Amino acid sequence: MTKSKQYRLNDVLWWNHQEDVLKEIGSIMELDDVNTNTPGWFENRTMACKNILDNMTDAEKEKLRKKAEEMAETGMPEDIQRK
């Protein structure tokens, strides 16, 4: 039996809720508008994801875990692959 790929919650959060993560990065960097062209955004991505995950309810985290499992079994959706 081949072990399927496991995805980290941070990555699944980024792939599925990029706007929320960018908004949190903006809070960390004290900027109103942040995108993937903003210098320094990537260095703050992990912290932003951690902050969001820390503030999620158990039910929200479970939903994200299920999405990660689904992606591990079926592969990444095409819209995410194209990003």
C-alpha atoms as a PDB file:
ATOM      1  CA  MET A   1       0.000   0.000   0.000  1.00  0.00           C
ATOM      2  CA  THR A   2       1.387   3.401  -0.995  1.00  0.00           C
ATOM      3  CA  LYS A   3       1.184   6.136   1.573  1.00  0.00           C
ATOM      4  CA  SER A   4      -0.592   9.152   0.151  1.00  0.00           C
ATOM      5  CA  LYS A   5       0.867  12.627   0.357  1.00  0.00           C
ATOM      6  CA  GLN A   6       0.068  14.484   3.557  1.00  0.00           C
ATOM      7  CA  TYR A   7      -0.560  18.211   3.454  1.00  0.00           C
ATOM      8  CA  ARG A   8       0.165  20.569   6.313  1.00  0.00           C
ATOM      9  CA  LEU A   9      -2.760  22.614   7.610  1.00  0.00           C
ATOM     10  CA  ASN A  10      -0.782  25.808   6.915  1.00  0.00           C
ATOM     11  CA  ASP A  11      -0.558  24.904   3.237  1.00  0.00           C
ATOM     12  CA  VAL A  12      -4.197  23.850   2.967  1.00  0.00           C
ATOM     13  CA  LEU A  13      -5.213  27.083   4.684  1.00  0.00           C
ATOM     14  CA  TRP A  14      -3.104  29.085   2.204  1.00  0.00           C
ATOM     15  CA  TRP A  15      -4.426  27.228  -0.837  1.00  0.00           C
ATOM     16  CA  ASN A  16      -8.077  27.556   0.213  1.00  0.00           C
ATOM     17  CA  HIS A  17      -8.181  30.857   2.133  1.00  0.00           C
ATOM     18  CA  GLN A  18      -5.449  32.954   0.584  1.00  0.00           C
ATOM     19  CA  GLU A  19      -7.353  36.222   1.082  1.00  0.00           C
ATOM     20  CA  ASP A  20      -7.642  35.608   4.833  1.00  0.00           C
ATOM     21  CA  VAL A  21      -3.951  34.772   5.117  1.00  0.00           C
ATOM     22  CA  LEU A  22      -2.959  37.893   3.164  1.00  0.00           C
ATOM     23  CA  LYS A  23      -5.195  39.989   5.414  1.00  0.00           C
ATOM     24  CA  GLU A  24      -3.459  38.541   8.500  1.00  0.00           C
ATOM     25  CA  ILE A  25      -0.057  39.183   6.896  1.00  0.00           C
ATOM     26  CA  GLY A  26      -1.181  42.791   6.460  1.00  0.00           C
ATOM     27  CA  SER A  27      -1.951  42.953  10.188  1.00  0.00           C
ATOM     28  CA  ILE A  28       1.464  41.551  11.059  1.00  0.00           C
ATOM     29  CA  MET A  29       3.242  43.938   8.697  1.00  0.00           C
ATOM     30  CA  GLU A  30       0.967  46.844   9.666  1.00  0.00           C
ATOM     31  CA  LEU A  31      -0.055  47.381   6.046  1.00  0.00           C
ATOM     32  CA  ASP A  32      -3.555  47.964   4.681  1.00  0.00           C
ATOM     33  CA  ASP A  33      -3.037  46.031   1.464  1.00  0.00           C
ATOM     34  CA  VAL A  34      -0.774  43.012   0.992  1.00  0.00           C
ATOM     35  CA  ASN A  35      -0.427  40.680  -1.971  1.00  0.00           C
ATOM     36  CA  THR A  36       2.154  38.186  -3.159  1.00  0.00           C
ATOM     37  CA  ASN A  37       4.144  41.025  -4.729  1.00  0.00           C
ATOM     38  CA  THR A  38       4.521  42.845  -1.396  1.00  0.00           C
ATOM     39  CA  PRO A  39       8.147  42.633  -0.191  1.00  0.00           C
ATOM     40  CA  GLY A  40       8.342  40.489   2.950  1.00  0.00           C
ATOM     41  CA  TRP A  41       4.943  38.835   2.602  1.00  0.00           C
ATOM     42  CA  PHE A  42       6.318  35.301   2.339  1.00  0.00           C
ATOM     43  CA  GLU A  43       8.426  35.592   5.484  1.00  0.00           C
ATOM     44  CA  ASN A  44       5.204  36.326   7.412  1.00  0.00           C
ATOM     45  CA  ARG A  45       3.022  33.642   5.833  1.00  0.00           C
ATOM     46  CA  THR A  46       3.733  30.932   8.411  1.00  0.00           C
ATOM     47  CA  MET A  47       3.046  33.269  11.339  1.00  0.00           C
ATOM     48  CA  ALA A  48      -0.158  34.485   9.683  1.00  0.00           C
ATOM     49  CA  CYS A  49      -1.353  30.903   9.151  1.00  0.00           C
ATOM     50  CA  LYS A  50      -0.486  30.020  12.748  1.00  0.00           C
ATOM     51  CA  ASN A  51      -2.445  33.032  14.022  1.00  0.00           C
ATOM     52  CA  ILE A  52      -5.479  32.048  11.964  1.00  0.00           C
ATOM     53  CA  LEU A  53      -5.285  28.389  13.022  1.00  0.00           C
ATOM     54  CA  ASP A  54      -4.912  29.415  16.681  1.00  0.00           C
ATOM     55  CA  ASN A  55      -8.130  31.421  16.423  1.00  0.00           C
ATOM     56  CA  MET A  56     -10.135  28.718  14.658  1.00  0.00           C
ATOM     57  CA  THR A  57     -12.707  26.667  16.503  1.00  0.00           C
ATOM     58  CA  ASP A  58     -12.203  22.915  16.740  1.00  0.00           C
ATOM     59  CA  ALA A  59     -14.951  22.465  14.149  1.00  0.00           C
ATOM     60  CA  GLU A  60     -13.214  24.824  11.708  1.00  0.00           C
ATOM     61  CA  LYS A  61      -9.904  22.998  12.190  1.00  0.00           C
ATOM     62  CA  GLU A  62     -11.604  19.658  11.647  1.00  0.00           C
ATOM     63  CA  LYS A  63     -13.117  20.934   8.399  1.00  0.00           C
ATOM     64  CA  LEU A  64      -9.639  22.009   7.278  1.00  0.00           C
ATOM     65  CA  ARG A  65      -8.197  18.602   8.270  1.00  0.00           C
ATOM     66  CA  LYS A  66     -10.889  16.865   6.213  1.00  0.00           C
ATOM     67  CA  LYS A  67     -10.011  19.079   3.251  1.00  0.00           C
ATOM     68  CA  ALA A  68      -6.341  18.113   3.679  1.00  0.00           C
ATOM     69  CA  GLU A  69      -7.259  14.416   3.738  1.00  0.00           C
ATOM     70  CA  GLU A  70      -9.459  14.836   0.678  1.00  0.00           C
ATOM     71  CA  MET A  71      -6.654  16.588  -1.192  1.00  0.00           C
ATOM     72  CA  ALA A  72      -4.203  13.855  -0.161  1.00  0.00           C
ATOM     73  CA  GLU A  73      -6.530  11.173  -1.536  1.00  0.00           C
ATOM     74  CA  THR A  74      -7.740  12.842  -4.712  1.00  0.00           C
ATOM     75  CA  GLY A  75      -4.918  15.265  -5.463  1.00  0.00           C
ATOM     76  CA  MET A  76      -4.986  19.010  -5.587  1.00  0.00           C
ATOM     77  CA  PRO A  77      -7.912  20.649  -7.351  1.00  0.00           C
ATOM     78  CA  GLU A  78      -6.954  22.104 -10.750  1.00  0.00           C
ATOM     79  CA  ASP A  79      -7.571  25.705  -9.668  1.00  0.00           C
ATOM     80  CA  ILE A  80      -4.962  25.303  -6.917  1.00  0.00           C
ATOM     81  CA  GLN A  81      -2.505  23.540  -9.221  1.00  0.00           C
ATOM     82  CA  ARG A  82      -2.604  26.519 -11.566  1.00  0.00           C
ATOM     83  CA  LYS A  83      -1.690  29.058  -8.870  1.00  0.00           C
END
